[in-house]
Amino acid sequence: MTRRFDIGPFVLALGALLLLIGLFLDWYGEFNAWAVFEFVDVLLAALAVAGIVGAVGLLTPDADYLDKRALPWIVGAAFVLVAAQLLDPPPAAAEMDRGIGAWLSLAGALLMVVGAVLSFSKVSFAVAVEGRDRRQRVPAVDHRPPPTETGQQPVARSSSSLLHPRPDESPEANTEQS
C-alpha cells in the first residue's frame, strides 16, 4: 500500500508557526513586534493562525474551516506585510537595527509562500507503508555433479584440482590416466 503525502501543507504550517513565533522575538533593538507595531502585529498573528488553519484544512478535508481559494491571498498578505515592515520600519524604530524576530518572521512568510505554491501545484512525494518480506536463510548447496556411469568421480574443476588436490588422488594418477 502506497500513501501520498503532500508536502506543501506541512511547509505552509511550518512557515506560519515561524511567523507567529517571530512576533514574540526582538524585531527592532530590544522591542518585539507587539511593542513596536500598532495594528500590524495583530494582523500578522491573525494571518499566521489563518495559515495554520488553512494548512490543516489541506491535510484533512474534514477540518476544512477555511476556503482553499483564500489561502494564496492570506499568504501573500503576510509576506507583503512582513517585507513592508522590514523595508520601512515604524517611526519609533527607524534608527534601530533589525532583530532576529524580524528575520525569522520573513523566513516564515517565505516558507508560507513556498508551501502555498507547493500545495496548489500538487507537488507530493510517495511513502511506501507496506511490510517488508524477510529473507530466509538456507544452508549452502553442494554443487558437485553426480558420479558418472562407470562409478568414477568426474574430473574436478581445474582451480580446485591444481591448488588443492583431493587426498585420494595424486597428481601422478591423473597424468597416467590421460
C-alpha atoms as a PDB file:
ATOM      1  CA  MET A   1       0.000   0.000   0.000  1.00  0.00           C
ATOM      2  CA  THR A   2       1.434   3.362  -1.004  1.00  0.00           C
ATOM      3  CA  ARG A   3       0.123   6.562   0.533  1.00  0.00           C
ATOM      4  CA  ARG A   4       0.806  10.008  -0.896  1.00  0.00           C
ATOM      5  CA  PHE A   5       1.507  12.941   1.370  1.00  0.00           C
ATOM      6  CA  ASP A   6       1.520  16.473   0.002  1.00  0.00           C
ATOM      7  CA  ILE A   7       4.497  18.346   1.397  1.00  0.00           C
ATOM      8  CA  GLY A   8       3.023  21.811   0.727  1.00  0.00           C
ATOM      9  CA  PRO A   9       0.675  21.990   3.734  1.00  0.00           C
ATOM     10  CA  PHE A  10       3.480  20.941   6.083  1.00  0.00           C
ATOM     11  CA  VAL A  11       5.770  23.685   4.747  1.00  0.00           C
ATOM     12  CA  LEU A  12       2.902  26.185   4.957  1.00  0.00           C
ATOM     13  CA  ALA A  13       2.165  25.293   8.585  1.00  0.00           C
ATOM     14  CA  LEU A  14       5.863  25.462   9.497  1.00  0.00           C
ATOM     15  CA  GLY A  15       6.137  28.921   7.940  1.00  0.00           C
ATOM     16  CA  ALA A  16       3.037  30.168   9.734  1.00  0.00           C
ATOM     17  CA  LEU A  17       4.376  28.835  13.025  1.00  0.00           C
ATOM     18  CA  LEU A  18       7.716  30.597  12.452  1.00  0.00           C
ATOM     19  CA  LEU A  19       5.894  33.842  11.672  1.00  0.00           C
ATOM     20  CA  LEU A  20       3.884  33.551  14.860  1.00  0.00           C
ATOM     21  CA  ILE A  21       6.980  32.803  16.960  1.00  0.00           C
ATOM     22  CA  GLY A  22       8.879  35.665  15.317  1.00  0.00           C
ATOM     23  CA  LEU A  23       6.277  38.147  16.549  1.00  0.00           C
ATOM     24  CA  PHE A  24       7.351  37.444  20.127  1.00  0.00           C
ATOM     25  CA  LEU A  25      11.079  37.858  19.463  1.00  0.00           C
ATOM     26  CA  ASP A  26      13.016  41.118  19.050  1.00  0.00           C
ATOM     27  CA  TRP A  27      12.192  42.955  15.829  1.00  0.00           C
ATOM     28  CA  TYR A  28      13.899  46.306  16.360  1.00  0.00           C
ATOM     29  CA  GLY A  29      16.595  46.581  19.003  1.00  0.00           C
ATOM     30  CA  GLU A  30      15.155  45.039  22.141  1.00  0.00           C
ATOM     31  CA  PHE A  31      11.497  45.576  21.157  1.00  0.00           C
ATOM     32  CA  ASN A  32       9.310  42.805  19.804  1.00  0.00           C
ATOM     33  CA  ALA A  33       6.524  43.232  17.263  1.00  0.00           C
ATOM     34  CA  TRP A  34       3.873  43.668  19.956  1.00  0.00           C
ATOM     35  CA  ALA A  35       5.686  46.707  21.380  1.00  0.00           C
ATOM     36  CA  VAL A  36       6.572  48.409  18.077  1.00  0.00           C
ATOM     37  CA  PHE A  37       3.523  47.918  15.841  1.00  0.00           C
ATOM     38  CA  GLU A  38       0.042  49.250  16.457  1.00  0.00           C
ATOM     39  CA  PHE A  39      -2.143  47.128  14.210  1.00  0.00           C
ATOM     40  CA  VAL A  40       0.260  45.140  12.013  1.00  0.00           C
ATOM     41  CA  ASP A  41       1.203  42.757  14.820  1.00  0.00           C
ATOM     42  CA  VAL A  42      -2.406  41.685  15.348  1.00  0.00           C
ATOM     43  CA  LEU A  43      -2.936  41.364  11.603  1.00  0.00           C
ATOM     44  CA  LEU A  44       0.213  39.236  11.185  1.00  0.00           C
ATOM     45  CA  ALA A  45      -0.844  36.983  14.078  1.00  0.00           C
ATOM     46  CA  ALA A  46      -4.287  36.537  12.520  1.00  0.00           C
ATOM     47  CA  LEU A  47      -2.738  35.735   9.133  1.00  0.00           C
ATOM     48  CA  ALA A  48      -0.387  33.199  10.734  1.00  0.00           C
ATOM     49  CA  VAL A  49      -3.253  31.473  12.552  1.00  0.00           C
ATOM     50  CA  ALA A  50      -5.293  31.502   9.334  1.00  0.00           C
ATOM     51  CA  GLY A  51      -2.318  29.924   7.541  1.00  0.00           C
ATOM     52  CA  ILE A  52      -2.158  27.139  10.130  1.00  0.00           C
ATOM     53  CA  VAL A  53      -5.914  26.547   9.858  1.00  0.00           C
ATOM     54  CA  GLY A  54      -5.620  26.509   6.058  1.00  0.00           C
ATOM     55  CA  ALA A  55      -2.767  24.007   6.189  1.00  0.00           C
ATOM     56  CA  VAL A  56      -4.760  21.728   8.486  1.00  0.00           C
ATOM     57  CA  GLY A  57      -7.689  22.033   6.088  1.00  0.00           C
ATOM     58  CA  LEU A  58      -5.468  20.983   3.195  1.00  0.00           C
ATOM     59  CA  LEU A  59      -4.193  17.968   5.123  1.00  0.00           C
ATOM     60  CA  THR A  60      -7.547  16.757   6.447  1.00  0.00           C
ATOM     61  CA  PRO A  61     -10.611  17.626   4.374  1.00  0.00           C
ATOM     62  CA  ASP A  62     -12.851  17.036   7.416  1.00  0.00           C
ATOM     63  CA  ALA A  63     -11.309  20.071   9.157  1.00  0.00           C
ATOM     64  CA  ASP A  64     -11.743  22.415   6.206  1.00  0.00           C
ATOM     65  CA  TYR A  65     -12.734  25.630   8.009  1.00  0.00           C
ATOM     66  CA  LEU A  66     -11.116  27.966   5.505  1.00  0.00           C
ATOM     67  CA  ASP A  67     -11.810  28.195   1.796  1.00  0.00           C
ATOM     68  CA  LYS A  68      -8.807  26.992  -0.179  1.00  0.00           C
ATOM     69  CA  ARG A  69      -9.148  29.889  -2.595  1.00  0.00           C
ATOM     70  CA  ALA A  70      -8.444  32.375   0.214  1.00  0.00           C
ATOM     71  CA  LEU A  71      -5.154  30.754   1.195  1.00  0.00           C
ATOM     72  CA  PRO A  72      -2.959  32.375  -1.506  1.00  0.00           C
ATOM     73  CA  TRP A  73      -4.341  35.794  -0.537  1.00  0.00           C
ATOM     74  CA  ILE A  74      -3.609  35.156   3.144  1.00  0.00           C
ATOM     75  CA  VAL A  75      -0.072  34.028   2.391  1.00  0.00           C
ATOM     76  CA  GLY A  76       0.548  36.937   0.034  1.00  0.00           C
ATOM     77  CA  ALA A  77      -0.732  39.467   2.562  1.00  0.00           C
ATOM     78  CA  ALA A  78       1.513  38.030   5.286  1.00  0.00           C
ATOM     79  CA  PHE A  79       4.573  38.201   3.041  1.00  0.00           C
ATOM     80  CA  VAL A  80       3.838  41.766   1.883  1.00  0.00           C
ATOM     81  CA  LEU A  81       3.251  42.986   5.441  1.00  0.00           C
ATOM     82  CA  VAL A  82       6.468  41.463   6.793  1.00  0.00           C
ATOM     83  CA  ALA A  83       8.517  42.746   3.839  1.00  0.00           C
ATOM     84  CA  ALA A  84       6.980  46.232   4.142  1.00  0.00           C
ATOM     85  CA  GLN A  85       7.797  46.408   7.846  1.00  0.00           C
ATOM     86  CA  LEU A  86      11.382  45.381   7.182  1.00  0.00           C
ATOM     87  CA  LEU A  87      11.858  47.881   4.348  1.00  0.00           C
ATOM     88  CA  ASP A  88      10.018  50.751   6.040  1.00  0.00           C
ATOM     89  CA  PRO A  89      10.117  50.391   9.838  1.00  0.00           C
ATOM     90  CA  PRO A  90       7.710  52.320  12.066  1.00  0.00           C
ATOM     91  CA  PRO A  91       8.875  55.806  13.169  1.00  0.00           C
ATOM     92  CA  ALA A  92       9.608  54.676  16.732  1.00  0.00           C
ATOM     93  CA  ALA A  93      12.097  52.093  15.460  1.00  0.00           C
ATOM     94  CA  ALA A  94      13.572  53.938  12.467  1.00  0.00           C
ATOM     95  CA  GLU A  95      17.112  54.124  13.858  1.00  0.00           C
ATOM     96  CA  MET A  96      17.216  50.639  15.439  1.00  0.00           C
ATOM     97  CA  ASP A  97      18.763  47.524  13.972  1.00  0.00           C
ATOM     98  CA  ARG A  98      16.526  44.686  12.898  1.00  0.00           C
ATOM     99  CA  GLY A  99      16.496  41.749  15.300  1.00  0.00           C
ATOM    100  CA  ILE A 100      16.120  38.008  14.989  1.00  0.00           C
ATOM    101  CA  GLY A 101      12.324  38.179  15.203  1.00  0.00           C
ATOM    102  CA  ALA A 102      12.077  40.238  12.029  1.00  0.00           C
ATOM    103  CA  TRP A 103      14.272  37.860  10.061  1.00  0.00           C
ATOM    104  CA  LEU A 104      12.552  34.794  11.479  1.00  0.00           C
ATOM    105  CA  SER A 105       9.189  36.261  10.504  1.00  0.00           C
ATOM    106  CA  LEU A 106      10.470  36.945   6.993  1.00  0.00           C
ATOM    107  CA  ALA A 107      11.694  33.351   6.716  1.00  0.00           C
ATOM    108  CA  GLY A 108       8.306  32.154   7.972  1.00  0.00           C
ATOM    109  CA  ALA A 109       6.484  34.278   5.404  1.00  0.00           C
ATOM    110  CA  LEU A 110       8.733  32.916   2.644  1.00  0.00           C
ATOM    111  CA  LEU A 111       8.039  29.366   3.806  1.00  0.00           C
ATOM    112  CA  MET A 112       4.334  30.129   3.737  1.00  0.00           C
ATOM    113  CA  VAL A 113       4.672  31.264   0.109  1.00  0.00           C
ATOM    114  CA  VAL A 114       6.643  28.142  -0.820  1.00  0.00           C
ATOM    115  CA  GLY A 115       4.109  25.923   0.981  1.00  0.00           C
ATOM    116  CA  ALA A 116       1.190  27.549  -0.828  1.00  0.00           C
ATOM    117  CA  VAL A 117       2.910  27.156  -4.197  1.00  0.00           C
ATOM    118  CA  LEU A 118       3.657  23.505  -3.471  1.00  0.00           C
ATOM    119  CA  SER A 119       0.102  22.892  -2.259  1.00  0.00           C
ATOM    120  CA  PHE A 120      -1.561  24.345  -5.297  1.00  0.00           C
ATOM    121  CA  SER A 121       0.887  22.897  -7.809  1.00  0.00           C
ATOM    122  CA  LYS A 122       0.194  19.401  -6.449  1.00  0.00           C
ATOM    123  CA  VAL A 123       3.808  18.502  -5.716  1.00  0.00           C
ATOM    124  CA  SER A 124       3.878  15.434  -3.499  1.00  0.00           C
ATOM    125  CA  PHE A 125       6.105  12.557  -2.508  1.00  0.00           C
ATOM    126  CA  ALA A 126       5.213   8.892  -2.080  1.00  0.00           C
ATOM    127  CA  VAL A 127       5.866   6.930   1.077  1.00  0.00           C
ATOM    128  CA  ALA A 128       5.592   3.140   0.998  1.00  0.00           C
ATOM    129  CA  VAL A 129       3.716   1.897   4.053  1.00  0.00           C
ATOM    130  CA  GLU A 130       3.856  -1.821   3.293  1.00  0.00           C
ATOM    131  CA  GLY A 131       5.673  -4.511   5.233  1.00  0.00           C
ATOM    132  CA  ARG A 132       8.948  -5.969   4.105  1.00  0.00           C
ATOM    133  CA  ASP A 133       9.470  -9.613   3.184  1.00  0.00           C
ATOM    134  CA  ARG A 134      12.124 -11.110   5.401  1.00  0.00           C
ATOM    135  CA  ARG A 135      14.750 -13.252   3.721  1.00  0.00           C
ATOM    136  CA  GLN A 136      15.020 -16.839   4.866  1.00  0.00           C
ATOM    137  CA  ARG A 137      18.439 -18.301   5.212  1.00  0.00           C
ATOM    138  CA  VAL A 138      19.048 -21.704   3.583  1.00  0.00           C
ATOM    139  CA  PRO A 139      22.069 -23.970   4.016  1.00  0.00           C
ATOM    140  CA  ALA A 140      24.716 -23.896   1.362  1.00  0.00           C
ATOM    141  CA  VAL A 141      24.091 -26.261  -1.517  1.00  0.00           C
ATOM    142  CA  ASP A 142      26.718 -28.774  -2.645  1.00  0.00           C
ATOM    143  CA  HIS A 143      27.455 -28.090  -6.313  1.00  0.00           C
ATOM    144  CA  ARG A 144      29.334 -31.313  -7.112  1.00  0.00           C
ATOM    145  CA  PRO A 145      27.979 -33.111 -10.141  1.00  0.00           C
ATOM    146  CA  PRO A 146      26.723 -36.697  -9.712  1.00  0.00           C
ATOM    147  CA  PRO A 147      29.157 -39.563 -10.396  1.00  0.00           C
ATOM    148  CA  THR A 148      29.434 -40.915 -13.979  1.00  0.00           C
ATOM    149  CA  GLU A 149      28.091 -44.287 -15.160  1.00  0.00           C
ATOM    150  CA  THR A 150      31.412 -46.033 -14.615  1.00  0.00           C
ATOM    151  CA  GLY A 151      31.397 -45.010 -10.994  1.00  0.00           C
ATOM    152  CA  GLN A 152      34.409 -42.766 -11.290  1.00  0.00           C
ATOM    153  CA  GLN A 153      34.294 -39.304  -9.892  1.00  0.00           C
ATOM    154  CA  PRO A 154      34.225 -36.671 -12.610  1.00  0.00           C
ATOM    155  CA  VAL A 155      37.305 -34.589 -13.141  1.00  0.00           C
ATOM    156  CA  ALA A 156      37.401 -31.835 -10.577  1.00  0.00           C
ATOM    157  CA  ARG A 157      37.350 -28.248 -11.584  1.00  0.00           C
ATOM    158  CA  SER A 158      40.709 -27.021 -12.683  1.00  0.00           C
ATOM    159  CA  SER A 159      41.063 -24.454  -9.937  1.00  0.00           C
ATOM    160  CA  SER A 160      40.357 -26.910  -7.161  1.00  0.00           C
ATOM    161  CA  SER A 161      42.414 -29.769  -8.620  1.00  0.00           C
ATOM    162  CA  LEU A 162      45.549 -27.748  -9.169  1.00  0.00           C
ATOM    163  CA  LEU A 163      45.518 -25.844  -5.932  1.00  0.00           C
ATOM    164  CA  HIS A 164      44.022 -28.434  -3.619  1.00  0.00           C
ATOM    165  CA  PRO A 165      44.240 -31.984  -4.924  1.00  0.00           C
ATOM    166  CA  ARG A 166      41.916 -34.492  -3.339  1.00  0.00           C
ATOM    167  CA  PRO A 167      43.527 -36.718  -0.728  1.00  0.00           C
ATOM    168  CA  ASP A 168      42.542 -39.951  -2.513  1.00  0.00           C
ATOM    169  CA  GLU A 169      44.047 -38.817  -5.834  1.00  0.00           C
ATOM    170  CA  SER A 170      47.634 -37.989  -6.517  1.00  0.00           C
ATOM    171  CA  PRO A 171      48.776 -35.708  -9.335  1.00  0.00           C
ATOM    172  CA  GLU A 172      50.675 -38.641 -10.941  1.00  0.00           C
ATOM    173  CA  ALA A 173      47.456 -40.695 -11.140  1.00  0.00           C
ATOM    174  CA  ASN A 174      45.757 -38.003 -13.207  1.00  0.00           C
ATOM    175  CA  THR A 175      48.623 -37.912 -15.728  1.00  0.00           C
ATOM    176  CA  GLU A 176      48.751 -41.748 -16.100  1.00  0.00           C
ATOM    177  CA  GLN A 177      45.050 -41.955 -16.977  1.00  0.00           C
ATOM    178  CA  SER A 178      45.401 -39.442 -19.808  1.00  0.00           C
END
